[in-house]
Amino acid sequence: MLEDLISKIESQMPLSIDAKKHIFAIARERDLKKGSLLIREGNSVNKTFFVTAGCLRSYCLDKNGKEHTLQFAIKNWWISDFIAIYTNELATLTVECLTDSSVIEFNAKELDGIHKLFPEFESFQRHNLERHVVSLHRRILNQMQLTAEERYDLFLEQYPDIEQHTRNYHIASYLGITQQSLSRIRVKKAKN
C-alpha cells in the first residue's frame, strides 16, 4: 500500500532514499472493515489518512440529527477532519468506511513536519492544500449555482463507480437534496 503513496508523490516530485525511509517510518498501513470509524465527531483528532482501496466518507450531524456528507474519499485521496487538526479543536466530522478499505495512517503533526526534514515536500504539501481548497470552493459554488441534476452529473463524473458502494441518503446529503429528489433525477436520466 505504501508503494501507491510513494508512486503518487513521485509522479509530482523526485524522492530521495532518506525521504522514502522517513515516510515508511511514520506511516501505518491499515485494513478496515465496512462500517469502521476512523474519526468520531466530538473526539480529538491527530490522524490523517491516504486511501489506497475502498470508499470512505466524512459527515457531520446537524442539530436535528440529520447527516450531511462533506466528502467521499476513494483510491489516492486524503481524508480527515482538517478543521479539528489545524485548529486543535474536537472533531466536527465522523469518517467512516463505506466498504472494506485500506488506508495509510499518519500522525498529522509528523506528516506536517516532514518538510522541515525534507524541504522538497513543502511544494508537494502546498500543492495538495491548493487542490483541496479549490475542490471545496468549487463544491460551494456548485451548490449555489447549479441545479440538482447538474450537481448529480458532476458527482458521477468525479466519482464514476461510487454509487455501488454508497446509500442513496449519502449521495443525496452530499448533493444537498432529498432522497426523493435524487430518485426523480435518476428516473429522468433513465428515460433519456
Protein backbone atom coordinates (compact mmCIF):
# COMPACT_ATOMS: atom_id res chain seq x y z
CA MET A 1 0.00 0.00 0.00
CA LEU A 2 2.81 2.41 0.78
CA GLU A 3 4.08 1.94 -2.76
CA ASP A 4 0.83 3.56 -4.01
CA LEU A 5 1.54 6.67 -1.96
CA ILE A 6 5.21 6.76 -2.95
CA SER A 7 4.18 6.47 -6.63
CA LYS A 8 1.69 9.31 -6.24
CA ILE A 9 4.31 11.54 -4.63
CA GLU A 10 6.94 10.62 -7.20
CA SER A 11 4.54 11.50 -10.01
CA GLN A 12 4.85 15.09 -8.76
CA MET A 13 8.42 15.21 -7.45
CA PRO A 14 11.52 13.03 -7.05
CA LEU A 15 12.04 11.41 -3.64
CA SER A 16 15.37 10.70 -2.03
CA ILE A 17 16.02 7.34 -0.39
CA ASP A 18 16.02 9.07 3.01
CA ALA A 19 12.64 10.72 2.32
CA LYS A 20 11.14 7.35 1.35
CA LYS A 21 12.55 5.76 4.51
CA HIS A 22 11.04 8.56 6.60
CA ILE A 23 7.61 8.06 5.01
CA PHE A 24 7.81 4.34 5.76
CA ALA A 25 8.83 5.14 9.36
CA ILE A 26 5.87 7.45 10.09
CA ALA A 27 3.20 5.58 8.11
CA ARG A 28 0.92 2.84 9.36
CA GLU A 29 -0.94 0.61 6.90
CA ARG A 30 -4.45 -0.34 7.99
CA ASP A 31 -7.07 -2.67 6.54
CA LEU A 32 -10.55 -1.73 7.71
CA LYS A 33 -13.94 -3.36 7.58
CA LYS A 34 -17.04 -1.72 6.18
CA GLY A 35 -18.61 0.43 8.90
CA SER A 36 -15.32 1.14 10.71
CA LEU A 37 -14.98 4.66 12.07
CA LEU A 38 -11.61 6.39 11.75
CA ILE A 39 -12.76 9.64 13.34
CA ARG A 40 -15.77 10.21 15.56
CA GLU A 41 -17.44 13.59 16.00
CA GLY A 42 -16.60 15.07 19.40
CA ASN A 43 -13.27 13.25 19.80
CA SER A 44 -9.78 14.68 19.42
CA VAL A 45 -8.13 14.20 16.04
CA ASN A 46 -4.45 13.76 15.27
CA LYS A 47 -4.53 11.43 12.24
CA THR A 48 -4.89 11.89 8.51
CA PHE A 49 -5.47 9.07 6.05
CA PHE A 50 -4.40 8.31 2.47
CA VAL A 51 -6.84 5.89 0.84
CA THR A 52 -5.31 3.00 -1.14
CA ALA A 53 -8.51 0.99 -1.62
CA GLY A 54 -12.20 1.25 -0.82
CA CYS A 55 -14.54 4.14 -0.22
CA LEU A 56 -14.82 6.36 2.86
CA ARG A 57 -16.90 9.40 3.67
CA SER A 58 -16.82 12.24 6.15
CA TYR A 59 -20.05 13.64 7.51
CA CYS A 60 -21.48 15.79 10.25
CA LEU A 61 -24.80 15.83 12.06
CA ASP A 62 -26.95 18.94 12.29
CA LYS A 63 -28.86 19.89 15.46
CA ASN A 64 -31.77 17.69 14.32
CA GLY A 65 -29.54 14.64 13.89
CA LYS A 66 -29.60 14.75 10.07
CA GLU A 67 -26.40 13.61 8.35
CA HIS A 68 -24.62 15.87 5.87
CA THR A 69 -21.89 14.23 3.79
CA LEU A 70 -18.93 16.55 3.25
CA GLN A 71 -16.57 14.29 1.32
CA PHE A 72 -16.17 10.89 -0.24
CA ALA A 73 -12.63 9.51 -0.44
CA ILE A 74 -11.58 6.82 -2.88
CA LYS A 75 -8.18 5.50 -4.01
CA ASN A 76 -5.41 8.14 -3.89
CA TRP A 77 -7.49 10.66 -1.90
CA TRP A 78 -6.76 12.05 1.57
CA ILE A 79 -9.40 12.27 4.30
CA SER A 80 -9.53 13.57 7.86
CA ASP A 81 -11.16 16.33 9.88
CA PHE A 82 -8.74 19.05 8.85
CA ILE A 83 -10.58 21.74 10.81
CA ALA A 84 -10.02 19.79 14.03
CA ILE A 85 -6.37 19.10 13.18
CA TYR A 86 -5.42 22.65 12.24
CA THR A 87 -7.44 24.45 14.92
CA ASN A 88 -6.73 21.91 17.66
CA GLU A 89 -10.46 21.52 18.30
CA LEU A 90 -12.57 18.41 18.76
CA ALA A 91 -13.82 16.69 15.61
CA THR A 92 -16.92 18.10 13.96
CA LEU A 93 -16.87 15.25 11.43
CA THR A 94 -17.13 11.49 11.52
CA VAL A 95 -15.11 9.50 8.99
CA GLU A 96 -16.45 6.05 8.18
CA CYS A 97 -15.62 3.24 5.77
CA LEU A 98 -18.46 2.62 3.32
CA THR A 99 -16.67 -0.50 2.06
CA ASP A 100 -13.84 -2.69 3.27
CA SER A 101 -10.96 -0.25 2.83
CA SER A 102 -7.21 0.11 3.07
CA VAL A 103 -5.58 3.33 4.23
CA ILE A 104 -2.21 4.64 5.18
CA GLU A 105 -2.48 6.42 8.51
CA PHE A 106 -0.24 9.29 9.54
CA ASN A 107 0.10 11.31 12.67
CA ALA A 108 -0.85 14.73 11.28
CA LYS A 109 1.95 16.59 13.11
CA GLU A 110 4.58 14.14 11.89
CA LEU A 111 3.29 14.41 8.34
CA ASP A 112 3.09 18.18 8.55
CA GLY A 113 6.65 18.34 9.86
CA ILE A 114 8.12 16.31 7.01
CA HIS A 115 9.02 19.43 5.04
CA LYS A 116 11.38 20.53 7.82
CA LEU A 117 13.42 17.37 7.30
CA PHE A 118 12.90 17.27 3.54
CA PRO A 119 12.23 20.79 2.18
CA GLU A 120 11.17 19.40 -1.20
CA PHE A 121 7.94 18.26 0.46
CA GLU A 122 6.83 21.82 1.08
CA SER A 123 5.78 22.31 -2.55
CA PHE A 124 4.07 18.89 -2.57
CA GLN A 125 2.08 19.71 0.57
CA ARG A 126 1.26 23.18 -0.71
CA HIS A 127 0.03 21.68 -3.99
CA ASN A 128 -2.21 19.22 -2.08
CA LEU A 129 -3.59 22.03 0.06
CA GLU A 130 -4.26 24.18 -3.01
CA ARG A 131 -6.12 21.31 -4.69
CA HIS A 132 -8.17 20.76 -1.55
CA VAL A 133 -9.11 24.45 -1.27
CA VAL A 134 -10.03 24.61 -4.97
CA SER A 135 -12.15 21.48 -4.62
CA LEU A 136 -14.04 22.89 -1.64
CA HIS A 137 -14.60 26.24 -3.35
CA ARG A 138 -15.90 24.51 -6.47
CA ARG A 139 -18.24 22.46 -4.34
CA ILE A 140 -19.61 25.57 -2.62
CA LEU A 141 -20.06 27.38 -5.93
CA ASN A 142 -21.73 24.34 -7.49
CA GLN A 143 -24.17 24.17 -4.57
CA MET A 144 -25.11 27.81 -5.19
CA GLN A 145 -25.07 27.93 -8.99
CA LEU A 146 -26.04 24.53 -10.38
CA THR A 147 -29.30 22.66 -10.44
CA ALA A 148 -29.60 19.41 -8.52
CA GLU A 149 -29.39 17.47 -11.80
CA GLU A 150 -26.22 19.31 -12.83
CA ARG A 151 -24.66 18.62 -9.42
CA TYR A 152 -25.56 14.93 -9.78
CA ASP A 153 -23.93 14.80 -13.23
CA LEU A 154 -20.74 16.33 -11.81
CA PHE A 155 -20.85 13.91 -8.91
CA LEU A 156 -20.98 10.96 -11.33
CA GLU A 157 -18.01 12.38 -13.27
CA GLN A 158 -15.98 12.85 -10.09
CA TYR A 159 -16.94 9.50 -8.54
CA PRO A 160 -17.85 7.26 -11.52
CA ASP A 161 -18.22 3.95 -9.64
CA ILE A 162 -19.22 5.18 -6.22
CA GLU A 163 -22.96 4.53 -6.44
CA GLN A 164 -22.42 0.79 -5.97
CA HIS A 165 -20.74 1.48 -2.61
CA THR A 166 -22.97 4.17 -1.14
CA ARG A 167 -26.51 4.51 0.06
CA ASN A 168 -28.91 6.94 -1.56
CA TYR A 169 -29.02 9.15 1.51
CA HIS A 170 -25.21 9.53 1.43
CA ILE A 171 -25.33 10.83 -2.12
CA ALA A 172 -28.41 12.97 -1.53
CA SER A 173 -26.85 14.59 1.54
CA TYR A 174 -23.63 15.25 -0.38
CA LEU A 175 -25.63 16.93 -3.16
CA GLY A 176 -27.78 18.87 -0.71
CA ILE A 177 -31.04 17.33 -1.92
CA THR A 178 -33.63 14.89 -0.60
CA GLN A 179 -33.58 11.20 -1.43
CA GLN A 180 -36.86 11.72 -3.30
CA SER A 181 -35.25 14.39 -5.50
CA LEU A 182 -32.34 12.06 -6.20
CA SER A 183 -34.79 9.30 -7.21
CA ARG A 184 -36.61 11.68 -9.58
CA ILE A 185 -33.32 12.72 -11.18
CA ARG A 186 -32.32 9.08 -11.70
CA VAL A 187 -35.73 8.19 -13.21
CA LYS A 188 -35.49 11.15 -15.58
CA LYS A 189 -31.95 10.14 -16.65
CA ALA A 190 -33.03 6.53 -17.18
CA LYS A 191 -35.78 7.69 -19.56
CA ASN A 192 -33.34 9.78 -21.64
